[in-house]
Amino acid sequence: MPSASTKNRSDHPEFVFVGEHPAVDFANTVVVSSGHLEDLLGSWSDLVGWLSQTGLSTHPSLDIPASRSREALKKVLELRQAWKEQLAQIIVGNKVSEEFLERLNALLEGEVFQERLHRDGEKGFSLVRSVSQLEGEKLALAIFARQMALFLVEANLSYLRRCANTTSCVLYFYDTTKNHRRQWCSVASCGNRHKVAQFRKRQGEAKM
């Protein structure tokens, strides 16, 4: 599993982006580091940093007073846990629960925006969405709910995977490879660890 213990220049954790979709990467903000689960969204500042790095939002309305940050973060993490439970169910062939769909719809209903048609060059057009009128945790929850909804609508859910390193990795990914045989969250981390372990096993058997 990719290292997540180091900090970047903005003092946020080194976030992991191996899921091939923001909704899956959101689930991957809980990782295994040094044998223990580590939550990469340890503060509201971390969450805002994550949204910025993914390009989902850099809007100032995400900022909230420190006195509200703990409760706001709790609401987002509760949504993340519910989402991870749904991903686990999808992988074993079960349906997304009606309760979870209702939860997403309730968050989506709170979003307010407008769209305007703009000219794009001489002959093209583009549809531009206005800035959300939501703020703070309501905005963050709506952003995450929309990404989850987009994933459920657009993805072939049979290609959702969990890293084959189930003993020391908890990451998910959406398999976009041509043959859909991807096994690892990252070949450079879990994939290589598997190769090393298999090599040592063969060496041990050869000495017997």
N, C-alpha and C. Protein backbone atom coordinates (compact mmCIF):
# COMPACT_ATOMS: atom_id res chain seq x y z
N MET A 1 0.84 -1.18 0.00
CA MET A 1 0.00 0.00 0.00
C MET A 1 0.87 1.23 0.00
N PRO A 2 0.55 2.29 -0.78
CA PRO A 2 1.37 3.47 -0.82
C PRO A 2 1.54 4.09 0.55
N SER A 3 2.74 4.63 0.83
CA SER A 3 3.02 5.26 2.11
C SER A 3 2.11 6.45 2.32
N ALA A 4 1.64 6.64 3.54
CA ALA A 4 0.77 7.77 3.83
C ALA A 4 1.19 8.48 5.09
N SER A 5 2.40 8.22 5.56
CA SER A 5 2.82 8.77 6.83
C SER A 5 3.51 10.12 6.71
N THR A 6 4.01 10.44 5.51
CA THR A 6 4.73 11.68 5.34
C THR A 6 3.78 12.84 5.10
N LYS A 7 4.29 14.07 5.32
CA LYS A 7 3.50 15.28 5.12
C LYS A 7 4.02 16.04 3.91
N ASN A 8 3.12 16.75 3.23
CA ASN A 8 3.57 17.57 2.13
C ASN A 8 3.81 18.99 2.61
N ARG A 9 4.10 19.88 1.70
CA ARG A 9 4.47 21.24 2.09
C ARG A 9 3.35 21.99 2.80
N SER A 10 2.11 21.65 2.51
CA SER A 10 0.99 22.33 3.15
C SER A 10 0.60 21.65 4.47
N ASP A 11 1.43 20.72 4.91
CA ASP A 11 1.24 20.03 6.18
C ASP A 11 0.01 19.13 6.19
N HIS A 12 -0.43 18.71 5.03
CA HIS A 12 -1.49 17.71 4.93
C HIS A 12 -0.85 16.34 4.75
N PRO A 13 -1.58 15.27 5.07
CA PRO A 13 -1.03 13.92 4.79
C PRO A 13 -0.77 13.73 3.31
N GLU A 14 0.04 12.76 2.99
CA GLU A 14 0.26 12.40 1.59
C GLU A 14 -0.90 11.52 1.16
N PHE A 15 -1.87 12.14 0.52
CA PHE A 15 -3.08 11.42 0.14
C PHE A 15 -2.80 10.38 -0.93
N VAL A 16 -3.64 9.36 -0.95
CA VAL A 16 -3.48 8.23 -1.87
C VAL A 16 -4.53 8.35 -2.98
N PHE A 17 -4.07 8.37 -4.22
CA PHE A 17 -4.99 8.46 -5.36
C PHE A 17 -4.72 7.30 -6.32
N VAL A 18 -5.31 6.16 -6.00
CA VAL A 18 -5.16 4.97 -6.83
C VAL A 18 -6.52 4.42 -7.27
N GLY A 19 -7.60 5.07 -6.86
CA GLY A 19 -8.94 4.51 -7.06
C GLY A 19 -9.53 4.70 -8.44
N GLU A 20 -8.94 5.60 -9.25
CA GLU A 20 -9.41 5.90 -10.61
C GLU A 20 -10.77 6.60 -10.63
N HIS A 21 -11.23 7.06 -9.48
CA HIS A 21 -12.45 7.87 -9.40
C HIS A 21 -12.46 8.57 -8.04
N PRO A 22 -12.87 9.85 -7.99
CA PRO A 22 -12.87 10.56 -6.71
C PRO A 22 -13.68 9.88 -5.62
N ALA A 23 -14.79 9.25 -5.98
CA ALA A 23 -15.61 8.58 -4.97
C ALA A 23 -14.86 7.42 -4.32
N VAL A 24 -14.09 6.70 -5.13
CA VAL A 24 -13.30 5.59 -4.59
C VAL A 24 -12.11 6.12 -3.81
N ASP A 25 -11.48 7.17 -4.30
CA ASP A 25 -10.36 7.76 -3.56
C ASP A 25 -10.81 8.33 -2.22
N PHE A 26 -12.04 8.79 -2.14
CA PHE A 26 -12.59 9.26 -0.87
C PHE A 26 -12.63 8.12 0.14
N ALA A 27 -13.05 6.95 -0.30
CA ALA A 27 -13.05 5.77 0.57
C ALA A 27 -11.63 5.42 1.01
N ASN A 28 -10.66 5.72 0.15
CA ASN A 28 -9.26 5.37 0.42
C ASN A 28 -8.53 6.39 1.29
N THR A 29 -9.28 7.25 1.97
CA THR A 29 -8.64 8.17 2.91
C THR A 29 -8.44 7.52 4.28
N VAL A 30 -8.76 6.25 4.38
CA VAL A 30 -8.34 5.42 5.52
C VAL A 30 -7.38 4.38 4.97
N VAL A 31 -6.16 4.34 5.51
CA VAL A 31 -5.12 3.45 4.98
C VAL A 31 -4.48 2.67 6.13
N VAL A 32 -3.65 1.72 5.75
CA VAL A 32 -2.84 1.01 6.73
C VAL A 32 -1.43 1.58 6.68
N SER A 33 -0.94 2.03 7.81
CA SER A 33 0.41 2.58 7.90
C SER A 33 1.10 1.98 9.12
N SER A 34 2.25 1.36 8.89
CA SER A 34 3.00 0.70 9.98
C SER A 34 2.14 -0.30 10.75
N GLY A 35 1.29 -0.99 10.01
CA GLY A 35 0.47 -2.04 10.61
C GLY A 35 -0.79 -1.56 11.29
N HIS A 36 -1.07 -0.27 11.23
CA HIS A 36 -2.25 0.27 11.91
C HIS A 36 -3.07 1.12 10.93
N LEU A 37 -4.38 1.17 11.17
CA LEU A 37 -5.23 2.03 10.36
C LEU A 37 -4.91 3.49 10.66
N GLU A 38 -4.82 4.27 9.61
CA GLU A 38 -4.56 5.70 9.75
C GLU A 38 -5.60 6.47 8.94
N ASP A 39 -6.24 7.44 9.58
CA ASP A 39 -7.23 8.27 8.91
C ASP A 39 -6.52 9.51 8.37
N LEU A 40 -6.52 9.65 7.04
CA LEU A 40 -5.85 10.78 6.41
C LEU A 40 -6.64 12.07 6.54
N LEU A 41 -7.91 11.95 6.91
CA LEU A 41 -8.74 13.14 7.14
C LEU A 41 -8.85 13.35 8.64
N GLY A 42 -7.74 13.74 9.22
CA GLY A 42 -7.70 13.91 10.67
C GLY A 42 -8.22 15.25 11.14
N SER A 43 -8.44 16.17 10.21
CA SER A 43 -8.93 17.50 10.57
C SER A 43 -9.72 18.05 9.39
N TRP A 44 -10.47 19.12 9.67
CA TRP A 44 -11.22 19.76 8.58
C TRP A 44 -10.27 20.33 7.54
N SER A 45 -9.12 20.81 7.99
CA SER A 45 -8.11 21.32 7.08
C SER A 45 -7.63 20.24 6.12
N ASP A 46 -7.47 19.01 6.62
CA ASP A 46 -7.08 17.89 5.75
C ASP A 46 -8.15 17.65 4.69
N LEU A 47 -9.40 17.71 5.10
CA LEU A 47 -10.50 17.47 4.17
C LEU A 47 -10.52 18.53 3.06
N VAL A 48 -10.35 19.79 3.45
CA VAL A 48 -10.32 20.87 2.46
C VAL A 48 -9.13 20.69 1.54
N GLY A 49 -7.99 20.26 2.10
CA GLY A 49 -6.81 20.00 1.28
C GLY A 49 -7.04 18.87 0.29
N TRP A 50 -7.76 17.84 0.72
CA TRP A 50 -8.06 16.71 -0.17
C TRP A 50 -8.95 17.16 -1.32
N LEU A 51 -9.98 17.93 -1.03
CA LEU A 51 -10.87 18.42 -2.07
C LEU A 51 -10.11 19.30 -3.07
N SER A 52 -9.16 20.05 -2.56
CA SER A 52 -8.35 20.90 -3.43
C SER A 52 -7.46 20.06 -4.34
N GLN A 53 -6.79 19.05 -3.78
CA GLN A 53 -5.89 18.21 -4.57
C GLN A 53 -6.63 17.42 -5.64
N THR A 54 -7.85 17.03 -5.36
CA THR A 54 -8.63 16.28 -6.36
C THR A 54 -9.23 17.19 -7.41
N GLY A 55 -9.22 18.49 -7.16
CA GLY A 55 -9.82 19.42 -8.10
C GLY A 55 -11.33 19.52 -7.98
N LEU A 56 -11.89 18.94 -6.94
CA LEU A 56 -13.34 18.97 -6.77
C LEU A 56 -13.84 20.33 -6.29
N SER A 57 -13.04 21.00 -5.45
CA SER A 57 -13.43 22.33 -4.98
C SER A 57 -12.27 23.01 -4.26
N THR A 58 -12.14 24.29 -4.53
CA THR A 58 -11.20 25.13 -3.78
C THR A 58 -11.94 26.36 -3.25
N HIS A 59 -13.25 26.26 -3.19
CA HIS A 59 -14.05 27.44 -2.87
C HIS A 59 -13.88 27.84 -1.40
N PRO A 60 -13.74 29.14 -1.13
CA PRO A 60 -13.58 29.62 0.25
C PRO A 60 -14.73 29.27 1.18
N SER A 61 -15.92 29.00 0.61
CA SER A 61 -17.08 28.69 1.45
C SER A 61 -16.94 27.35 2.17
N LEU A 62 -15.90 26.59 1.83
CA LEU A 62 -15.63 25.35 2.57
C LEU A 62 -15.04 25.64 3.94
N ASP A 63 -14.48 26.81 4.11
CA ASP A 63 -13.87 27.17 5.39
C ASP A 63 -14.96 27.35 6.45
N ILE A 64 -14.69 26.84 7.63
CA ILE A 64 -15.64 26.96 8.74
C ILE A 64 -14.89 27.34 10.00
N PRO A 65 -15.59 27.91 11.00
CA PRO A 65 -14.93 28.25 12.27
C PRO A 65 -14.38 27.02 12.96
N ALA A 66 -13.29 27.18 13.66
CA ALA A 66 -12.67 26.06 14.37
C ALA A 66 -13.62 25.40 15.35
N SER A 67 -14.53 26.19 15.92
CA SER A 67 -15.47 25.65 16.91
C SER A 67 -16.44 24.65 16.30
N ARG A 68 -16.63 24.70 14.98
CA ARG A 68 -17.56 23.80 14.31
C ARG A 68 -16.86 22.67 13.58
N SER A 69 -15.55 22.73 13.48
CA SER A 69 -14.82 21.82 12.60
C SER A 69 -14.93 20.35 13.01
N ARG A 70 -14.90 20.08 14.30
CA ARG A 70 -14.95 18.68 14.75
C ARG A 70 -16.27 18.02 14.38
N GLU A 71 -17.37 18.72 14.65
CA GLU A 71 -18.69 18.15 14.35
C GLU A 71 -18.90 18.05 12.84
N ALA A 72 -18.39 19.03 12.11
CA ALA A 72 -18.51 19.00 10.65
C ALA A 72 -17.76 17.82 10.07
N LEU A 73 -16.54 17.61 10.54
CA LEU A 73 -15.73 16.49 10.06
C LEU A 73 -16.40 15.16 10.40
N LYS A 74 -16.99 15.08 11.56
CA LYS A 74 -17.67 13.84 11.98
C LYS A 74 -18.76 13.46 10.98
N LYS A 75 -19.51 14.43 10.50
CA LYS A 75 -20.59 14.15 9.56
C LYS A 75 -20.05 13.59 8.24
N VAL A 76 -18.93 14.16 7.79
CA VAL A 76 -18.33 13.68 6.54
C VAL A 76 -17.77 12.27 6.72
N LEU A 77 -17.14 12.02 7.86
CA LEU A 77 -16.55 10.69 8.09
C LEU A 77 -17.63 9.63 8.25
N GLU A 78 -18.77 10.01 8.79
CA GLU A 78 -19.89 9.07 8.88
C GLU A 78 -20.39 8.69 7.49
N LEU A 79 -20.43 9.67 6.58
CA LEU A 79 -20.81 9.38 5.20
C LEU A 79 -19.78 8.49 4.54
N ARG A 80 -18.51 8.75 4.80
CA ARG A 80 -17.45 7.91 4.23
C ARG A 80 -17.57 6.48 4.70
N GLN A 81 -17.83 6.26 5.99
CA GLN A 81 -17.97 4.91 6.51
C GLN A 81 -19.15 4.19 5.86
N ALA A 82 -20.25 4.90 5.70
CA ALA A 82 -21.42 4.30 5.05
C ALA A 82 -21.10 3.94 3.60
N TRP A 83 -20.33 4.77 2.93
CA TRP A 83 -19.93 4.53 1.54
C TRP A 83 -19.02 3.31 1.45
N LYS A 84 -18.07 3.20 2.37
CA LYS A 84 -17.17 2.05 2.36
C LYS A 84 -17.95 0.75 2.58
N GLU A 85 -18.96 0.80 3.41
CA GLU A 85 -19.78 -0.39 3.63
C GLU A 85 -20.51 -0.78 2.35
N GLN A 86 -20.95 0.20 1.58
CA GLN A 86 -21.61 -0.09 0.30
C GLN A 86 -20.63 -0.65 -0.72
N LEU A 87 -19.41 -0.12 -0.75
CA LEU A 87 -18.39 -0.65 -1.67
C LEU A 87 -18.11 -2.11 -1.36
N ALA A 88 -18.01 -2.43 -0.09
CA ALA A 88 -17.76 -3.82 0.32
C ALA A 88 -18.89 -4.73 -0.14
N GLN A 89 -20.12 -4.23 -0.08
CA GLN A 89 -21.27 -5.02 -0.52
C GLN A 89 -21.28 -5.20 -2.03
N ILE A 90 -20.90 -4.14 -2.75
CA ILE A 90 -20.86 -4.22 -4.21
C ILE A 90 -19.87 -5.28 -4.66
N ILE A 91 -18.72 -5.33 -4.02
CA ILE A 91 -17.66 -6.27 -4.41
C ILE A 91 -18.11 -7.72 -4.27
N VAL A 92 -18.93 -8.01 -3.28
CA VAL A 92 -19.39 -9.40 -3.10
C VAL A 92 -20.70 -9.66 -3.85
N GLY A 93 -21.11 -8.71 -4.68
CA GLY A 93 -22.27 -8.94 -5.54
C GLY A 93 -23.60 -8.48 -5.00
N ASN A 94 -23.60 -7.78 -3.89
CA ASN A 94 -24.86 -7.29 -3.33
C ASN A 94 -25.21 -5.91 -3.87
N LYS A 95 -26.46 -5.52 -3.70
CA LYS A 95 -26.94 -4.24 -4.18
C LYS A 95 -26.64 -3.14 -3.17
N VAL A 96 -26.55 -1.92 -3.69
CA VAL A 96 -26.48 -0.75 -2.82
C VAL A 96 -27.83 -0.63 -2.10
N SER A 97 -27.80 -0.38 -0.81
CA SER A 97 -29.03 -0.38 -0.03
C SER A 97 -29.91 0.83 -0.36
N GLU A 98 -31.20 0.64 -0.23
CA GLU A 98 -32.15 1.73 -0.44
C GLU A 98 -31.92 2.85 0.57
N GLU A 99 -31.56 2.47 1.77
CA GLU A 99 -31.29 3.46 2.81
C GLU A 99 -30.15 4.39 2.41
N PHE A 100 -29.10 3.81 1.81
CA PHE A 100 -27.97 4.64 1.39
C PHE A 100 -28.36 5.53 0.22
N LEU A 101 -29.14 5.01 -0.72
CA LEU A 101 -29.60 5.83 -1.84
C LEU A 101 -30.43 7.01 -1.35
N GLU A 102 -31.27 6.78 -0.37
CA GLU A 102 -32.08 7.85 0.20
C GLU A 102 -31.18 8.88 0.88
N ARG A 103 -30.12 8.40 1.50
CA ARG A 103 -29.18 9.31 2.16
C ARG A 103 -28.50 10.22 1.14
N LEU A 104 -28.06 9.64 0.02
CA LEU A 104 -27.43 10.44 -1.04
C LEU A 104 -28.43 11.43 -1.63
N ASN A 105 -29.63 10.97 -1.89
CA ASN A 105 -30.64 11.85 -2.47
C ASN A 105 -30.96 13.03 -1.56
N ALA A 106 -30.99 12.79 -0.27
CA ALA A 106 -31.26 13.88 0.67
C ALA A 106 -30.15 14.93 0.61
N LEU A 107 -28.91 14.48 0.45
CA LEU A 107 -27.80 15.42 0.35
C LEU A 107 -27.82 16.15 -0.99
N LEU A 108 -28.19 15.45 -2.05
CA LEU A 108 -28.25 16.07 -3.37
C LEU A 108 -29.39 17.09 -3.46
N GLU A 109 -30.47 16.83 -2.76
CA GLU A 109 -31.61 17.75 -2.79
C GLU A 109 -31.28 19.10 -2.18
N GLY A 110 -30.28 19.12 -1.30
CA GLY A 110 -29.90 20.37 -0.66
C GLY A 110 -29.06 21.28 -1.53
N GLU A 111 -28.58 20.78 -2.65
CA GLU A 111 -27.72 21.55 -3.55
C GLU A 111 -28.56 22.53 -4.38
N VAL A 112 -28.05 23.74 -4.52
CA VAL A 112 -28.71 24.77 -5.31
C VAL A 112 -27.69 25.37 -6.27
N PHE A 113 -27.99 25.32 -7.57
CA PHE A 113 -27.08 25.90 -8.55
C PHE A 113 -27.85 26.24 -9.82
N GLN A 114 -27.19 26.97 -10.69
CA GLN A 114 -27.76 27.30 -11.99
C GLN A 114 -26.76 26.89 -13.07
N GLU A 115 -27.26 26.71 -14.29
CA GLU A 115 -26.40 26.41 -15.42
C GLU A 115 -26.69 27.39 -16.55
N ARG A 116 -25.63 27.83 -17.21
CA ARG A 116 -25.77 28.74 -18.34
C ARG A 116 -25.04 28.17 -19.54
N LEU A 117 -25.63 28.37 -20.70
CA LEU A 117 -25.04 27.91 -21.95
C LEU A 117 -24.10 29.00 -22.48
N HIS A 118 -22.84 28.64 -22.72
CA HIS A 118 -21.84 29.58 -23.22
C HIS A 118 -21.33 29.13 -24.58
N ARG A 119 -20.93 30.10 -25.38
CA ARG A 119 -20.25 29.76 -26.63
C ARG A 119 -18.85 29.28 -26.31
N ASP A 120 -18.42 28.26 -27.03
CA ASP A 120 -17.10 27.69 -26.86
C ASP A 120 -16.42 27.68 -28.23
N GLY A 121 -15.72 28.77 -28.54
CA GLY A 121 -15.13 28.88 -29.87
C GLY A 121 -16.16 29.37 -30.87
N GLU A 122 -15.90 29.11 -32.15
CA GLU A 122 -16.77 29.60 -33.22
C GLU A 122 -18.09 28.83 -33.32
N LYS A 123 -18.02 27.52 -33.14
CA LYS A 123 -19.21 26.70 -33.36
C LYS A 123 -19.64 25.89 -32.14
N GLY A 124 -18.77 25.77 -31.17
CA GLY A 124 -19.08 24.91 -30.02
C GLY A 124 -19.80 25.65 -28.91
N PHE A 125 -20.30 24.86 -27.98
CA PHE A 125 -20.99 25.40 -26.81
C PHE A 125 -20.56 24.61 -25.58
N SER A 126 -20.69 25.23 -24.43
CA SER A 126 -20.40 24.54 -23.16
C SER A 126 -21.43 24.97 -22.14
N LEU A 127 -21.73 24.05 -21.23
CA LEU A 127 -22.69 24.30 -20.17
C LEU A 127 -21.90 24.56 -18.90
N VAL A 128 -22.03 25.76 -18.35
CA VAL A 128 -21.25 26.17 -17.19
C VAL A 128 -22.14 26.19 -15.96
N ARG A 129 -21.70 25.49 -14.95
CA ARG A 129 -22.46 25.40 -13.71
C ARG A 129 -22.02 26.48 -12.73
N SER A 130 -22.97 27.12 -12.07
CA SER A 130 -22.66 28.20 -11.14
C SER A 130 -22.03 27.63 -9.86
N VAL A 131 -21.44 28.52 -9.09
CA VAL A 131 -20.88 28.13 -7.80
C VAL A 131 -22.01 27.73 -6.86
N SER A 132 -21.80 26.69 -6.08
CA SER A 132 -22.82 26.23 -5.14
C SER A 132 -23.15 27.31 -4.12
N GLN A 133 -24.39 27.33 -3.69
CA GLN A 133 -24.81 28.26 -2.64
C GLN A 133 -24.62 27.68 -1.24
N LEU A 134 -24.20 26.42 -1.17
CA LEU A 134 -23.97 25.78 0.12
C LEU A 134 -22.63 26.21 0.70
N GLU A 135 -22.47 26.00 2.00
CA GLU A 135 -21.23 26.36 2.68
C GLU A 135 -20.81 25.25 3.65
N GLY A 136 -19.53 25.29 4.02
CA GLY A 136 -19.02 24.40 5.05
C GLY A 136 -19.28 22.94 4.81
N GLU A 137 -19.73 22.24 5.87
CA GLU A 137 -19.93 20.80 5.75
C GLU A 137 -21.07 20.44 4.80
N LYS A 138 -22.06 21.34 4.66
CA LYS A 138 -23.15 21.06 3.72
C LYS A 138 -22.63 21.01 2.29
N LEU A 139 -21.70 21.90 1.97
CA LEU A 139 -21.10 21.89 0.65
C LEU A 139 -20.25 20.64 0.46
N ALA A 140 -19.43 20.31 1.45
CA ALA A 140 -18.57 19.12 1.35
C ALA A 140 -19.41 17.86 1.18
N LEU A 141 -20.46 17.73 1.97
CA LEU A 141 -21.32 16.54 1.88
C LEU A 141 -21.99 16.44 0.51
N ALA A 142 -22.41 17.58 -0.03
CA ALA A 142 -23.04 17.57 -1.36
C ALA A 142 -22.04 17.18 -2.44
N ILE A 143 -20.80 17.65 -2.31
CA ILE A 143 -19.75 17.29 -3.28
C ILE A 143 -19.50 15.79 -3.25
N PHE A 144 -19.35 15.25 -2.06
CA PHE A 144 -19.09 13.81 -1.95
C PHE A 144 -20.28 12.99 -2.43
N ALA A 145 -21.48 13.42 -2.08
CA ALA A 145 -22.68 12.69 -2.50
C ALA A 145 -22.78 12.67 -4.02
N ARG A 146 -22.46 13.79 -4.67
CA ARG A 146 -22.53 13.84 -6.13
C ARG A 146 -21.50 12.91 -6.77
N GLN A 147 -20.29 12.85 -6.21
CA GLN A 147 -19.28 11.95 -6.76
C GLN A 147 -19.69 10.49 -6.60
N MET A 148 -20.27 10.14 -5.46
CA MET A 148 -20.76 8.78 -5.26
C MET A 148 -21.87 8.45 -6.25
N ALA A 149 -22.79 9.42 -6.42
CA ALA A 149 -23.88 9.21 -7.36
C ALA A 149 -23.36 9.03 -8.78
N LEU A 150 -22.38 9.86 -9.17
CA LEU A 150 -21.80 9.73 -10.51
C LEU A 150 -21.13 8.38 -10.69
N PHE A 151 -20.44 7.92 -9.66
CA PHE A 151 -19.79 6.61 -9.76
C PHE A 151 -20.82 5.51 -9.96
N LEU A 152 -21.90 5.54 -9.18
CA LEU A 152 -22.93 4.50 -9.28
C LEU A 152 -23.62 4.54 -10.64
N VAL A 153 -23.75 5.73 -11.21
CA VAL A 153 -24.43 5.88 -12.51
C VAL A 153 -23.52 5.47 -13.66
N GLU A 154 -22.26 5.88 -13.61
CA GLU A 154 -21.37 5.76 -14.77
C GLU A 154 -20.49 4.51 -14.76
N ALA A 155 -20.17 3.98 -13.59
CA ALA A 155 -19.21 2.88 -13.51
C ALA A 155 -19.86 1.53 -13.79
N ASN A 156 -19.06 0.63 -14.33
CA ASN A 156 -19.45 -0.78 -14.39
C ASN A 156 -19.03 -1.38 -13.05
N LEU A 157 -19.97 -1.58 -12.17
CA LEU A 157 -19.65 -1.94 -10.79
C LEU A 157 -18.97 -3.30 -10.66
N SER A 158 -19.01 -4.10 -11.72
CA SER A 158 -18.31 -5.39 -11.67
C SER A 158 -16.79 -5.19 -11.73
N TYR A 159 -16.34 -3.97 -12.05
CA TYR A 159 -14.91 -3.69 -12.11
C TYR A 159 -14.39 -2.98 -10.86
N LEU A 160 -15.24 -2.88 -9.86
CA LEU A 160 -14.77 -2.36 -8.57
C LEU A 160 -13.98 -3.45 -7.87
N ARG A 161 -12.81 -3.13 -7.37
CA ARG A 161 -11.94 -4.12 -6.74
C ARG A 161 -11.43 -3.62 -5.39
N ARG A 162 -11.03 -4.59 -4.58
CA ARG A 162 -10.22 -4.29 -3.40
C ARG A 162 -8.84 -4.87 -3.66
N CYS A 163 -7.80 -4.18 -3.19
CA CYS A 163 -6.43 -4.64 -3.40
C CYS A 163 -6.29 -6.10 -2.96
N ALA A 164 -5.58 -6.88 -3.77
CA ALA A 164 -5.40 -8.30 -3.47
C ALA A 164 -4.57 -8.53 -2.22
N ASN A 165 -3.87 -7.50 -1.76
CA ASN A 165 -3.11 -7.59 -0.51
C ASN A 165 -4.06 -7.34 0.65
N THR A 166 -4.91 -8.31 0.92
CA THR A 166 -5.95 -8.14 1.94
C THR A 166 -5.42 -8.24 3.36
N THR A 167 -4.16 -8.65 3.52
CA THR A 167 -3.61 -8.79 4.87
C THR A 167 -3.10 -7.46 5.43
N SER A 168 -2.66 -6.55 4.54
CA SER A 168 -2.10 -5.29 5.03
C SER A 168 -2.48 -4.09 4.17
N CYS A 169 -3.59 -4.20 3.45
CA CYS A 169 -4.05 -3.07 2.64
C CYS A 169 -5.57 -3.06 2.63
N VAL A 170 -6.15 -1.88 2.70
CA VAL A 170 -7.61 -1.76 2.74
C VAL A 170 -8.13 -0.89 1.59
N LEU A 171 -7.30 -0.69 0.58
CA LEU A 171 -7.65 0.22 -0.50
C LEU A 171 -8.51 -0.44 -1.58
N TYR A 172 -9.39 0.38 -2.16
CA TYR A 172 -10.23 -0.02 -3.28
C TYR A 172 -9.74 0.66 -4.55
N PHE A 173 -10.12 0.11 -5.70
CA PHE A 173 -9.85 0.79 -6.96
C PHE A 173 -10.89 0.35 -7.99
N TYR A 174 -11.06 1.21 -8.99
CA TYR A 174 -11.93 0.90 -10.12
C TYR A 174 -11.02 0.47 -11.26
N ASP A 175 -11.18 -0.76 -11.70
CA ASP A 175 -10.27 -1.35 -12.68
C ASP A 175 -10.59 -0.86 -14.08
N THR A 176 -9.78 0.09 -14.55
CA THR A 176 -9.96 0.65 -15.89
C THR A 176 -8.98 0.06 -16.90
N THR A 177 -8.23 -0.98 -16.51
CA THR A 177 -7.28 -1.58 -17.44
C THR A 177 -8.02 -2.27 -18.58
N LYS A 178 -7.33 -2.47 -19.69
CA LYS A 178 -7.95 -3.01 -20.89
C LYS A 178 -8.51 -4.42 -20.66
N ASN A 179 -7.76 -5.26 -19.97
CA ASN A 179 -8.22 -6.64 -19.76
C ASN A 179 -8.91 -6.83 -18.41
N HIS A 180 -8.97 -5.77 -17.63
CA HIS A 180 -9.65 -5.80 -16.32
C HIS A 180 -9.09 -6.90 -15.41
N ARG A 181 -7.77 -7.00 -15.37
CA ARG A 181 -7.13 -7.99 -14.50
C ARG A 181 -6.23 -7.35 -13.45
N ARG A 182 -6.44 -6.09 -13.21
CA ARG A 182 -5.64 -5.41 -12.18
C ARG A 182 -5.92 -6.03 -10.82
N GLN A 183 -4.85 -6.26 -10.05
CA GLN A 183 -4.99 -6.89 -8.74
C GLN A 183 -4.61 -5.99 -7.58
N TRP A 184 -3.70 -5.04 -7.84
CA TRP A 184 -3.09 -4.30 -6.74
C TRP A 184 -3.49 -2.84 -6.76
N CYS A 185 -3.53 -2.25 -5.56
CA CYS A 185 -3.75 -0.81 -5.49
C CYS A 185 -2.63 -0.10 -6.23
N SER A 186 -1.42 -0.64 -6.09
CA SER A 186 -0.25 -0.09 -6.78
C SER A 186 0.76 -1.21 -6.99
N VAL A 187 1.21 -1.36 -8.23
CA VAL A 187 2.23 -2.38 -8.52
C VAL A 187 3.53 -2.05 -7.79
N ALA A 188 3.81 -0.76 -7.63
CA ALA A 188 5.05 -0.34 -6.99
C ALA A 188 5.07 -0.61 -5.49
N SER A 189 3.92 -0.83 -4.89
CA SER A 189 3.89 -1.09 -3.46
C SER A 189 3.41 -2.51 -3.16
N CYS A 190 2.11 -2.72 -3.15
CA CYS A 190 1.59 -4.05 -2.82
C CYS A 190 1.99 -5.09 -3.85
N GLY A 191 2.04 -4.73 -5.13
CA GLY A 191 2.44 -5.67 -6.16
C GLY A 191 3.86 -6.16 -5.96
N ASN A 192 4.77 -5.23 -5.68
CA ASN A 192 6.16 -5.60 -5.45
C ASN A 192 6.34 -6.40 -4.17
N ARG A 193 5.59 -6.04 -3.14
CA ARG A 193 5.67 -6.80 -1.88
C ARG A 193 5.27 -8.25 -2.12
N HIS A 194 4.25 -8.46 -2.94
CA HIS A 194 3.81 -9.81 -3.24
C HIS A 194 4.90 -10.58 -3.99
N LYS A 195 5.53 -9.92 -4.95
CA LYS A 195 6.60 -10.57 -5.72
C LYS A 195 7.77 -10.95 -4.82
N VAL A 196 8.13 -10.06 -3.91
CA VAL A 196 9.23 -10.34 -2.98
C VAL A 196 8.87 -11.50 -2.07
N ALA A 197 7.63 -11.50 -1.56
CA ALA A 197 7.20 -12.58 -0.68
C ALA A 197 7.20 -13.92 -1.40
N GLN A 198 6.74 -13.93 -2.66
CA GLN A 198 6.72 -15.17 -3.44
C GLN A 198 8.15 -15.65 -3.73
N PHE A 199 9.06 -14.72 -4.01
CA PHE A 199 10.45 -15.07 -4.27
C PHE A 199 11.09 -15.70 -3.03
N ARG A 200 10.86 -15.11 -1.88
CA ARG A 200 11.43 -15.64 -0.64
C ARG A 200 10.84 -17.00 -0.31
N LYS A 201 9.57 -17.17 -0.63
CA LYS A 201 8.94 -18.47 -0.39
C LYS A 201 9.58 -19.55 -1.26
N ARG A 202 9.82 -19.22 -2.53
CA ARG A 202 10.47 -20.18 -3.43
C ARG A 202 11.89 -20.49 -2.99
N GLN A 203 12.60 -19.47 -2.52
CA GLN A 203 13.97 -19.68 -2.05
C GLN A 203 14.01 -20.60 -0.84
N GLY A 204 13.03 -20.40 0.04
CA GLY A 204 12.94 -21.24 1.23
C GLY A 204 12.63 -22.69 0.89
N GLU A 205 11.72 -22.87 -0.08
CA GLU A 205 11.35 -24.22 -0.48
C GLU A 205 12.52 -24.91 -1.17
N ALA A 206 13.34 -24.15 -1.90
CA ALA A 206 14.48 -24.74 -2.61
C ALA A 206 15.55 -25.24 -1.64
N LYS A 207 15.63 -24.64 -0.45
CA LYS A 207 16.64 -25.03 0.52
C LYS A 207 16.22 -26.22 1.36
N MET A 208 14.94 -26.58 1.26
CA MET A 208 14.45 -27.70 2.08
C MET A 208 14.90 -29.04 1.53
